[in-house]
Protein backbone atom coordinates (compact mmCIF):
# COMPACT_ATOMS: atom_id res chain seq x y z
CA MET A 1 -18.48 -16.65 10.29
CA ILE A 2 -15.50 -14.66 11.57
CA HIS A 3 -13.70 -14.84 14.92
CA PHE A 4 -11.79 -12.07 16.66
CA LEU A 5 -10.91 -10.82 20.12
CA LEU A 6 -12.52 -7.62 21.41
CA ASN A 7 -10.53 -6.39 24.40
CA GLU A 8 -10.68 -9.58 26.52
CA GLN A 9 -13.79 -11.10 24.95
CA ALA A 10 -13.83 -13.64 22.13
CA VAL A 11 -16.37 -12.69 19.47
CA ILE A 12 -18.02 -14.73 16.73
CA VAL A 13 -19.96 -12.87 14.04
CA ASP A 14 -21.94 -14.43 11.21
CA GLN A 15 -25.03 -12.52 10.12
CA GLU A 16 -23.88 -8.93 9.55
CA ALA A 17 -23.84 -6.58 6.59
CA PRO A 18 -20.57 -7.05 4.65
CA ASP A 19 -20.09 -3.28 4.33
CA LEU A 20 -20.40 -2.64 8.09
CA ASN A 21 -17.32 -0.95 9.53
CA ILE A 22 -15.80 -1.59 12.94
CA LEU A 23 -16.83 1.80 14.33
CA ASP A 24 -20.52 1.34 13.56
CA TRP A 25 -20.40 -2.25 14.83
CA LEU A 26 -18.84 -1.15 18.13
CA ARG A 27 -21.32 1.64 18.71
CA THR A 28 -24.57 0.13 17.41
CA LYS A 29 -24.09 -3.58 18.05
CA LYS A 30 -21.93 -3.65 21.20
CA GLY A 31 -22.81 -0.33 22.83
CA ILE A 32 -19.14 0.64 23.02
CA THR A 33 -19.22 4.40 22.47
CA SER A 34 -15.70 5.35 23.56
CA SER A 35 -14.66 5.34 19.88
CA LYS A 36 -16.08 8.48 18.29
CA GLU A 37 -17.02 9.39 14.74
CA GLY A 38 -15.73 12.79 13.76
CA CYS A 39 -15.27 12.83 10.00
CA GLY A 40 -16.01 9.25 8.92
CA THR A 41 -13.23 9.49 6.32
CA GLY A 42 -10.08 8.64 8.30
CA ASP A 43 -8.90 12.24 8.68
CA CYS A 44 -9.64 13.16 12.32
CA GLY A 45 -8.55 10.07 14.27
CA ALA A 46 -11.39 10.24 16.83
CA CYS A 47 -12.28 6.64 15.97
CA THR A 48 -8.75 5.29 16.44
CA ILE A 49 -8.47 1.79 17.93
CA LEU A 50 -5.59 -0.63 18.38
CA LEU A 51 -5.42 -3.64 16.12
CA GLY A 52 -3.32 -6.59 17.23
CA SER A 53 -1.97 -9.04 14.67
CA GLU A 54 0.18 -12.14 14.93
CA VAL A 55 3.63 -11.63 13.40
CA ILE A 56 5.86 -14.56 12.43
CA ASP A 57 9.61 -13.83 12.32
CA LYS A 58 12.28 -15.50 10.20
CA ASN A 59 12.81 -18.17 12.86
CA ASN A 60 9.11 -19.05 12.78
CA ASN A 61 8.55 -17.51 16.21
CA SER A 62 5.30 -15.63 16.71
CA ARG A 63 4.56 -12.45 18.59
CA TRP A 64 1.67 -9.99 18.71
CA HIS A 65 2.10 -6.51 17.32
CA TYR A 66 -0.33 -3.67 18.09
CA GLN A 67 -0.85 -0.61 15.91
CA THR A 68 -3.43 2.09 15.32
CA VAL A 69 -6.14 1.95 12.65
CA ASN A 70 -9.20 4.02 11.83
CA SER A 71 -12.23 2.01 12.89
CA CYS A 72 -14.42 4.10 10.55
CA LEU A 73 -12.47 2.71 7.59
CA MET A 74 -11.82 -0.87 8.67
CA LEU A 75 -14.59 -3.20 7.58
CA LEU A 76 -15.80 -5.75 10.11
CA GLY A 77 -14.85 -8.76 8.00
CA ASN A 78 -11.17 -7.81 8.08
CA ALA A 79 -11.20 -8.19 11.88
CA HIS A 80 -11.06 -11.97 11.56
CA GLY A 81 -8.22 -13.38 13.65
CA LYS A 82 -7.29 -9.96 15.00
CA HIS A 83 -7.34 -8.39 18.46
CA ILE A 84 -9.31 -5.15 18.70
CA ILE A 85 -8.56 -2.94 21.68
CA THR A 86 -10.72 0.05 22.55
CA LEU A 87 -10.32 2.64 25.27
CA ASP A 88 -12.52 0.52 27.55
CA ALA A 89 -9.75 -2.06 28.01
CA LEU A 90 -7.43 0.38 29.77
CA THR A 91 -9.40 1.12 32.94
CA PRO A 92 -11.74 -1.68 34.04
CA LYS A 93 -12.75 0.05 37.30
CA LEU A 94 -15.90 2.19 37.29
CA SER A 95 -14.46 4.87 39.57
CA PRO A 96 -10.69 4.75 39.11
CA THR A 97 -8.18 6.87 40.98
CA LEU A 98 -5.25 8.48 39.20
CA GLU A 99 -3.08 5.54 40.19
CA ASP A 100 -5.59 3.12 38.65
CA LEU A 101 -5.37 4.79 35.25
CA HIS A 102 -3.05 3.57 32.53
CA PRO A 103 0.09 5.79 32.43
CA VAL A 104 -1.05 7.30 29.14
CA GLN A 105 -4.43 8.24 30.61
CA ARG A 106 -2.92 9.54 33.81
CA ALA A 107 -0.46 11.72 31.94
CA MET A 108 -3.26 13.22 29.83
CA VAL A 109 -5.18 14.09 33.01
CA GLU A 110 -2.21 15.58 34.85
CA CYS A 111 -1.03 17.54 31.81
CA HIS A 112 -4.56 18.83 31.12
CA GLY A 113 -4.51 17.30 27.65
CA SER A 114 -8.28 17.11 27.31
CA GLN A 115 -11.16 19.56 27.41
CA CYS A 116 -14.37 18.52 25.65
CA GLY A 117 -13.05 14.95 25.42
CA PHE A 118 -14.50 14.08 22.03
CA CYS A 119 -11.13 13.57 20.36
CA THR A 120 -9.38 12.31 23.50
CA PRO A 121 -10.05 8.55 23.03
CA GLY A 122 -8.30 8.65 19.66
CA PHE A 123 -5.30 10.45 21.13
CA ILE A 124 -5.13 7.95 23.99
CA MET A 125 -5.09 5.02 21.57
CA SER A 126 -2.36 6.58 19.41
CA LEU A 127 -0.26 7.31 22.50
CA LEU A 128 -0.94 3.79 23.78
CA ALA A 129 0.48 2.29 20.59
CA LEU A 130 3.56 4.50 20.98
CA TYR A 131 3.88 3.43 24.62
CA ILE A 132 3.56 -0.29 23.87
CA ASN A 133 6.05 -0.25 21.01
CA ASN A 134 8.69 1.92 22.75
CA VAL A 135 10.04 0.92 26.15
CA GLU A 136 11.66 4.32 26.57
CA TYR A 137 10.48 7.78 25.51
CA PRO A 138 11.20 7.90 21.75
CA GLY A 139 11.46 11.69 21.48
CA LYS A 140 9.22 14.54 20.38
CA LYS A 141 9.62 13.83 16.67
CA ALA A 142 8.31 10.27 17.09
CA VAL A 143 5.40 11.58 19.16
CA ILE A 144 4.38 14.11 16.53
CA HIS A 145 4.63 11.41 13.88
CA ALA A 146 2.44 9.06 15.94
CA LEU A 147 -0.19 11.78 16.39
CA SER A 148 -0.21 12.90 12.76
CA GLY A 149 -3.59 11.25 12.20
CA ASN A 150 -5.26 12.81 15.26
CA LEU A 151 -6.79 16.28 15.16
CA CYS A 152 -7.20 18.22 18.39
CA ARG A 153 -10.26 20.45 18.51
CA CYS A 154 -9.76 22.47 21.66
CA THR A 155 -6.78 21.77 23.92
CA GLY A 156 -4.00 22.29 21.45
CA TYR A 157 -1.09 19.93 20.91
CA ALA A 158 1.35 21.22 23.55
CA PRO A 159 -0.18 19.51 26.63
CA ILE A 160 -0.77 16.31 24.65
CA ILE A 161 2.86 16.19 23.53
CA GLU A 162 3.88 16.88 27.14
CA ALA A 163 1.68 13.96 28.27
CA ALA A 164 3.42 11.68 25.76
CA GLN A 165 6.69 12.28 27.57
CA LYS A 166 5.29 12.25 31.08
CA CYS A 167 3.65 8.82 30.73
CA TYR A 168 7.14 7.30 30.65
CA GLU A 169 7.94 8.80 34.06
CA TYR A 170 5.45 6.57 35.88
CA PRO A 171 6.14 2.91 36.75
CA ARG A 172 6.07 0.93 33.54
CA LYS A 173 2.83 -0.92 32.84
CA GLN A 174 3.48 -3.95 30.69
CA GLU A 175 1.12 -4.85 27.87
CA ALA A 176 -0.78 -7.91 29.07
CA TRP A 177 -2.96 -8.71 26.07
CA SER A 178 -0.57 -10.71 23.90
CA THR A 179 -0.84 -13.94 25.89
CA LEU A 180 -4.62 -13.86 25.73
CA ALA A 181 -4.51 -13.08 22.00
CA ALA A 182 -2.07 -15.94 21.33
CA GLN A 183 -4.37 -18.41 23.09
CA PHE A 184 -7.31 -17.13 21.09
CA LYS A 185 -5.44 -17.38 17.78
CA GLN A 186 -4.57 -21.00 18.50
CA GLN A 187 -8.26 -21.75 18.87
CA ILE A 188 -8.90 -20.19 15.44
CA ASN A 189 -6.05 -22.18 13.90
CA ASP A 190 -7.55 -25.36 15.30
CA VAL A 191 -10.79 -24.60 13.46
CA GLY A 192 -8.79 -24.36 10.21
CA ASP A 193 -11.27 -22.28 8.20
CA GLU A 194 -9.66 -21.48 4.82
CA CYS A 195 -12.19 -18.78 3.97
CA PRO A 196 -14.05 -17.12 6.84
CA SER A 197 -16.99 -15.00 5.73
CA LEU A 198 -19.86 -12.75 6.70
CA MET A 199 -23.23 -12.79 5.02
CA LEU A 200 -26.53 -11.00 5.19
CA GLN A 201 -29.24 -12.20 2.86
CA ASP A 202 -27.58 -12.45 -0.56
CA THR A 203 -24.52 -10.29 0.21
CA HIS A 204 -21.17 -11.72 1.32
CA PHE A 205 -17.79 -10.69 2.69
CA TYR A 206 -15.08 -13.29 2.13
CA VAL A 207 -11.74 -13.38 3.97
CA PRO A 208 -9.62 -15.99 2.12
CA GLN A 209 -6.46 -17.04 3.93
CA HIS A 210 -4.53 -18.33 0.91
CA LEU A 211 -4.02 -17.30 -2.70
CA SER A 212 -5.71 -20.41 -4.06
CA ALA A 213 -8.90 -19.59 -2.16
CA LEU A 214 -8.75 -15.97 -3.34
CA LEU A 215 -8.34 -16.96 -7.00
CA ALA A 216 -11.17 -19.48 -6.74
CA LEU A 217 -13.46 -16.76 -5.38
CA LYS A 218 -12.47 -14.36 -8.15
CA GLN A 219 -13.21 -17.06 -10.69
CA SER A 220 -16.62 -17.71 -9.14
CA TYR A 221 -17.48 -14.03 -8.65
CA PRO A 222 -15.81 -12.06 -11.48
CA SER A 223 -17.63 -8.88 -10.49
CA GLY A 224 -16.73 -9.29 -6.80
CA LYS A 225 -15.00 -6.22 -5.37
CA LEU A 226 -11.47 -6.84 -4.14
CA ILE A 227 -10.43 -4.91 -1.02
CA ALA A 228 -7.29 -4.70 1.09
CA GLY A 229 -7.26 -2.00 3.78
CA ALA A 230 -10.45 -0.47 2.30
CA THR A 231 -9.14 3.00 3.19
CA ASP A 232 -10.76 4.41 0.05
CA LEU A 233 -13.60 1.96 -0.52
CA SER A 234 -15.01 2.54 2.97
CA ILE A 235 -15.40 6.23 2.15
CA GLU A 236 -17.30 5.36 -1.03
CA ILE A 237 -19.57 3.09 1.03
CA SER A 238 -20.25 5.67 3.76
CA GLN A 239 -20.24 8.87 1.70
CA GLN A 240 -21.53 7.74 -1.69
CA LEU A 241 -23.72 4.91 -0.32
CA LEU A 242 -22.28 2.41 -2.79
CA GLU A 243 -23.38 -1.20 -2.31
CA PHE A 244 -21.54 -4.39 -3.24
CA LYS A 245 -22.98 -7.87 -3.39
CA HIS A 246 -19.65 -9.68 -3.00
CA LEU A 247 -16.67 -8.18 -1.16
CA ILE A 248 -13.49 -10.26 -1.35
CA SER A 249 -10.71 -9.25 1.04
CA VAL A 250 -7.06 -9.84 0.14
CA ALA A 251 -5.85 -8.47 3.49
CA GLN A 252 -5.14 -11.88 5.05
CA VAL A 253 -3.92 -13.82 2.01
CA LYS A 254 -0.55 -15.01 3.27
CA GLU A 255 1.05 -15.17 -0.19
CA LEU A 256 0.26 -11.46 -0.72
CA CYS A 257 1.62 -10.20 2.61
CA TYR A 258 5.38 -10.36 2.23
CA PHE A 259 8.44 -8.23 1.53
CA THR A 260 11.53 -9.68 -0.13
CA GLU A 261 14.80 -7.92 -0.94
CA THR A 262 17.04 -9.46 -3.57
CA LYS A 263 20.32 -8.19 -4.99
CA THR A 264 18.54 -6.28 -7.74
CA THR A 265 14.90 -5.79 -6.67
CA PHE A 266 12.36 -5.28 -3.95
CA GLU A 267 9.33 -7.58 -4.16
CA ILE A 268 6.32 -6.35 -2.22
CA GLY A 269 3.16 -8.38 -1.77
CA ALA A 270 0.10 -6.52 -2.97
CA ALA A 271 -1.65 -6.83 0.42
CA LEU A 272 1.29 -5.78 2.62
CA PRO A 273 0.48 -2.51 4.46
CA TYR A 274 2.72 0.48 3.78
CA SER A 275 4.07 0.62 7.33
CA GLN A 276 5.54 -2.86 7.00
CA PHE A 277 7.78 -2.18 3.99
CA MET A 278 8.43 1.57 4.28
CA PRO A 279 11.50 1.43 6.58
CA ALA A 280 13.51 -0.94 4.36
CA PHE A 281 12.38 0.63 1.10
CA CYS A 282 12.97 4.22 2.23
CA GLU A 283 16.42 3.32 3.51
CA HIS A 284 17.33 2.37 -0.06
CA TYR A 285 15.35 5.22 -1.63
CA PRO A 286 15.51 7.93 1.07
CA GLU A 287 14.12 10.50 -1.38
CA SER A 288 10.76 8.69 -1.21
CA LYS A 289 10.46 8.90 2.58
CA GLU A 290 8.61 12.21 2.63
CA LEU A 291 6.23 10.98 -0.07
CA PHE A 292 5.30 7.87 1.91
CA GLU A 293 5.16 9.63 5.27
CA ARG A 294 2.70 12.14 3.80
CA LEU A 295 0.54 9.36 2.34
CA GLY A 296 -2.45 9.52 4.68
CA SER A 297 -1.84 9.20 8.42
CA THR A 298 -0.15 6.57 10.56
CA GLN A 299 -3.52 4.83 10.87
CA VAL A 300 -4.01 4.81 7.10
CA ARG A 301 -0.47 3.53 6.41
CA ASN A 302 -1.07 0.72 8.89
CA SER A 303 -3.98 -0.47 6.71
CA GLY A 304 -3.45 0.78 3.16
CA THR A 305 -1.47 -1.20 0.57
CA LEU A 306 0.35 -0.70 -2.72
CA GLY A 307 -1.92 -3.22 -4.42
CA GLY A 308 -5.00 -1.40 -3.21
CA SER A 309 -3.73 1.99 -4.36
CA LEU A 310 -2.77 0.71 -7.82
CA GLY A 311 -5.96 -1.30 -8.22
CA ASN A 312 -8.01 1.76 -7.30
CA ALA A 313 -6.32 3.52 -10.24
CA SER A 314 -6.84 7.01 -8.87
CA PRO A 315 -5.12 9.77 -10.88
CA ILE A 316 -3.95 11.30 -7.60
CA GLY A 317 -2.67 8.15 -5.90
CA ASP A 318 0.79 8.91 -4.53
CA PRO A 319 2.60 5.58 -5.16
CA ALA A 320 1.85 5.22 -8.90
CA PRO A 321 4.04 8.10 -10.21
CA LEU A 322 6.94 6.91 -8.05
CA LEU A 323 6.63 3.32 -9.23
CA ILE A 324 6.35 4.39 -12.86
CA ALA A 325 9.47 6.56 -12.57
CA LEU A 326 11.35 3.64 -10.98
CA ASN A 327 10.31 1.34 -13.86
CA ALA A 328 8.49 -1.02 -11.50
CA GLN A 329 6.44 -4.02 -12.61
CA LEU A 330 3.26 -5.79 -11.54
CA VAL A 331 2.59 -9.50 -11.37
CA LEU A 332 -1.05 -10.27 -12.20
CA GLN A 333 -2.30 -13.70 -11.18
CA THR A 334 -5.18 -16.00 -12.16
CA ASN A 335 -5.86 -19.50 -10.93
CA THR A 336 -4.11 -20.91 -14.00
CA ALA A 337 -1.38 -18.44 -14.97
CA SER A 338 0.41 -15.18 -14.22
CA ARG A 339 1.73 -12.31 -16.28
CA THR A 340 4.17 -9.51 -15.54
CA ILE A 341 3.63 -5.99 -16.92
CA ASN A 342 5.19 -2.57 -16.48
CA ILE A 343 3.17 -0.41 -14.14
CA GLU A 344 3.10 2.36 -16.73
CA ASP A 345 1.07 -0.01 -18.94
CA PHE A 346 -1.36 -0.95 -16.17
CA PHE A 347 -3.58 2.15 -16.39
CA THR A 348 -5.83 2.66 -19.39
CA GLY A 349 -8.04 5.58 -18.33
CA TYR A 350 -9.74 7.24 -15.40
CA LYS A 351 -9.94 4.52 -12.72
CA GLN A 352 -9.50 1.91 -15.46
CA THR A 353 -6.80 -0.76 -15.75
CA VAL A 354 -5.87 -3.84 -17.79
CA LEU A 355 -6.79 -6.08 -14.86
CA LYS A 356 -9.10 -8.89 -16.02
CA ASP A 357 -12.14 -10.07 -14.09
CA ASN A 358 -10.38 -13.24 -12.94
CA GLU A 359 -7.04 -11.58 -12.12
CA VAL A 360 -5.60 -10.15 -8.93
CA ILE A 361 -2.49 -8.06 -8.33
CA SER A 362 -0.07 -10.31 -6.48
CA THR A 363 3.35 -8.62 -6.44
CA ILE A 364 5.00 -5.26 -7.09
CA ILE A 365 8.60 -5.60 -8.30
CA ILE A 366 10.78 -2.49 -7.92
CA PRO A 367 14.34 -2.36 -9.31
CA LYS A 368 17.09 -1.22 -6.98
CA ARG A 369 18.93 1.93 -7.90
CA LYS A 370 22.22 2.03 -9.74
CA ALA A 371 25.17 3.92 -8.33
CA THR A 372 24.57 6.76 -10.79
CA THR A 373 20.82 7.07 -10.16
CA LYS A 374 19.36 10.31 -8.85
CA LEU A 375 15.76 10.50 -7.64
CA ALA A 376 13.50 13.39 -6.71
CA CYS A 377 10.01 13.02 -5.20
CA HIS A 378 7.70 15.94 -4.57
CA LYS A 379 4.06 16.21 -3.57
CA VAL A 380 2.05 19.41 -3.38
CA SER A 381 -1.20 19.34 -1.41
CA LYS A 382 -3.39 21.76 0.51
CA ARG A 383 -2.31 20.28 3.83
CA LEU A 384 1.24 19.16 4.48
CA GLU A 385 0.12 15.85 5.99
CA ASP A 386 -2.84 13.52 5.58
CA ASP A 387 -4.03 14.98 2.29
CA ILE A 388 -4.24 13.79 -1.29
CA SER A 389 -2.03 15.26 -3.98
CA THR A 390 -2.82 18.27 -6.06
CA VAL A 391 0.34 17.58 -8.06
CA ALA A 392 2.96 14.87 -7.55
CA LEU A 393 6.16 14.85 -9.61
CA ILE A 394 8.81 12.14 -9.62
CA VAL A 395 12.03 12.29 -11.65
CA ALA A 396 14.62 9.49 -11.86
CA ILE A 397 17.77 9.94 -13.93
CA GLU A 398 21.21 8.48 -14.36
CA THR A 399 24.27 10.57 -15.05
CA GLU A 400 27.30 9.97 -17.24
CA GLY A 401 29.62 12.83 -16.44
CA ASP A 402 27.62 15.99 -17.20
CA THR A 403 25.02 14.14 -19.29
CA MET A 404 21.65 12.77 -18.21
CA THR A 405 20.53 9.35 -19.43
CA ASN A 406 17.67 6.92 -18.80
CA VAL A 407 15.41 9.77 -17.74
CA ARG A 408 12.01 8.78 -16.37
CA CYS A 409 9.50 11.38 -15.22
CA SER A 410 5.95 10.77 -14.03
CA MET A 411 3.26 12.99 -12.56
CA GLY A 412 0.05 12.51 -10.65
CA GLY A 413 -2.91 14.90 -10.58
CA MET A 414 -2.19 16.17 -14.08
CA SER A 415 -4.36 13.82 -16.16
CA ALA A 416 -7.03 11.14 -15.89
CA MET A 417 -4.41 8.56 -14.93
CA PRO A 418 -0.78 8.47 -13.78
CA THR A 419 1.47 8.68 -16.86
CA ARG A 420 5.02 9.32 -17.92
CA ALA A 421 5.95 12.79 -19.12
CA LYS A 422 7.49 11.69 -22.42
CA ASN A 423 8.27 15.18 -23.76
CA ILE A 424 10.02 16.18 -20.55
CA GLU A 425 11.97 12.94 -20.65
CA ASN A 426 13.01 13.50 -24.28
CA PHE A 427 14.08 17.04 -23.46
CA LEU A 428 16.27 15.92 -20.56
CA GLU A 429 17.65 12.79 -22.21
CA ASN A 430 21.29 13.26 -23.26
CA SER A 431 21.12 16.90 -22.15
CA GLN A 432 23.58 18.70 -19.93
CA PHE A 433 23.13 18.00 -16.22
CA SER A 434 22.51 21.58 -15.14
CA LEU A 435 19.98 23.84 -13.44
CA ALA A 436 19.25 25.63 -16.71
CA THR A 437 18.25 22.35 -18.36
CA PHE A 438 15.64 21.58 -15.70
CA ILE A 439 14.26 25.10 -15.84
CA ALA A 440 13.93 24.85 -19.61
CA ALA A 441 12.25 21.44 -19.31
CA GLY A 442 9.34 23.17 -17.62
CA GLN A 443 8.28 24.43 -21.04
CA CYS A 444 7.38 20.84 -21.95
CA VAL A 445 4.73 20.43 -19.22
CA ASP A 446 2.02 21.75 -21.54
CA GLN A 447 3.06 19.24 -24.19
CA ASP A 448 2.65 16.29 -21.82
CA TYR A 449 -0.43 17.29 -19.85
CA THR A 450 -3.67 19.20 -20.13
CA PRO A 451 -4.77 19.26 -16.49
CA MET A 452 -8.32 19.99 -15.43
CA SER A 453 -9.63 22.62 -13.05
CA ASP A 454 -11.53 21.33 -10.02
CA VAL A 455 -12.16 22.18 -6.38
CA ARG A 456 -8.57 21.30 -5.51
CA ALA A 457 -6.79 23.55 -8.01
CA SER A 458 -7.05 25.23 -11.39
CA ALA A 459 -5.37 23.89 -14.51
CA PHE A 460 -3.09 26.94 -14.55
CA TYR A 461 -2.04 26.32 -10.96
CA ARG A 462 -1.21 22.67 -11.65
CA THR A 463 0.87 23.54 -14.70
CA THR A 464 2.73 26.30 -12.87
CA VAL A 465 3.42 24.07 -9.87
CA ALA A 466 4.78 21.33 -12.14
CA GLN A 467 7.13 23.83 -13.78
CA ASN A 468 8.25 25.15 -10.39
CA LEU A 469 8.90 21.62 -9.17
CA LEU A 470 11.18 20.95 -12.13
CA GLN A 471 13.11 24.07 -11.19
CA ARG A 472 13.27 22.90 -7.61
CA ILE A 473 14.63 19.54 -8.72
CA GLY A 474 17.26 21.36 -10.75
CA TYR A 475 18.43 23.15 -7.63
CA GLU A 476 18.40 19.92 -5.62
CA PHE A 477 20.40 17.99 -8.17
CA CYS A 478 22.77 20.63 -9.48
CA GLN A 479 23.01 23.26 -6.73
CA PRO A 480 22.34 21.34 -3.51
CA ASN A 481 22.98 24.29 -1.17
CA PRO A 482 19.50 25.34 0.04
CA ILE A 483 18.04 28.74 -0.74
CA LYS A 484 17.35 30.69 2.43
CA ILE A 485 14.10 32.60 2.47
CA ASN A 486 14.41 36.40 2.85
CA GLU A 487 18.05 36.47 1.74
CA PRO A 488 18.91 38.42 -1.44
CA ILE A 489 18.83 36.20 -4.51
CA ASN A 490 20.21 37.31 -7.86
CA ASP A 491 19.13 34.32 -9.94
CA PRO A 492 15.66 35.07 -11.45
CA ALA A 493 14.81 31.37 -11.47
CA ALA A 494 15.62 31.14 -7.79
CA VAL A 495 13.41 34.15 -7.09
CA ARG A 496 10.49 32.38 -8.78
CA ILE A 497 11.06 29.30 -6.63
CA GLN A 498 11.18 31.45 -3.49
CA HIS A 499 7.90 33.14 -4.40
CA ALA A 500 6.31 29.74 -5.07
CA ALA A 501 7.47 28.51 -1.66
CA LEU A 502 5.94 31.55 0.02
């Protein structure tokens, strides 16, 4: 069985389908309909809830941290030991006045931030997370970032953004759930269950708490499906109606949820959500910030993991090309041994890897940059945010004077799996560090990749975009002054880049 806190109520669940998500459980089992289903794929944010988790700091002090997640993507089993907050927890009165409302709700009412109301609960929960985690108004940019996973269908964003500022003008309402959650978590710790689980007939959902328990399960159930945030698997379950007999979650394995910075590397646990390592990593590699911030929404980054993305082995997964270009490694673990491989050797084909039935991804090791390292990260997609890549291109080089060395280039969306662009690398290696060199390297795209045409883009489009991105990188590296649209440009290469941008 699993234990978690729902608003102010302790919940114990035992006999439930392992593939049941939080949204369906709330609506069909508990009659809580404030969380809505819009898309069912984590794109619209109507189902947004707050998820509270215990965080232990370096001094072994605990606190509770609340963040947004998509309840349509989070499977029920992963709620073990967590605190789920829905809109219903904000206003307990049946007929509240404006003063009774939470400041976030009141601001939405007074700023006319809601019309039909279908998407409003999701907006409220995203603004609530912002309110809890920021004592003072954090600014418009932070608000827009917090709302990036919420789509408004009728009101428009202006009154909602206005409400985000106005809620800080009312008397501050302190978050009062942490004490209750801490008491509840102590009760769970007293039980001491090393592997909570759900079951229905002959199907199971296991939530191991330690690596030893995880590896024992993988040994016992070699075909068991490993999940972390399940941000992709949940879509396969709901949209493709896939069924799994044994689901094994890595989300709460303590040995897989860590981030360590050494003098030469970053070591990231395979089950650590993106949002928990992004700030430190992007401070060291600021060029990757846009790539990570465009990886899904805030809700998705609060759940999704590097290990899950790599294990999924999608040819359009955003992290893989970056990690390949940075010469990162994976640690693969069994209950008797471990091995370390280069990430570029991990993929063997479309959604296929070298991972053995009894292995799990435990750690991603990323080298720190050298003083001479230059990095460029670019993603092209149909939407700017919350969309998967059509083409992703990452280039990492070192320079010795006017010469490029140790060139590593990787692309996503161009083949059945993320791979290095060896011909582009060979062309750039020991070549002059100049714009002309990068433009000429575009001729090698066809030698490295034969992209397919699909609903997202044609093969010609993908090839052309990859060539244009190499030109763009040339301008970034060698002529850093930005090109201004609609100003006369004499350089033909620059004209092509301007046309591509338009």
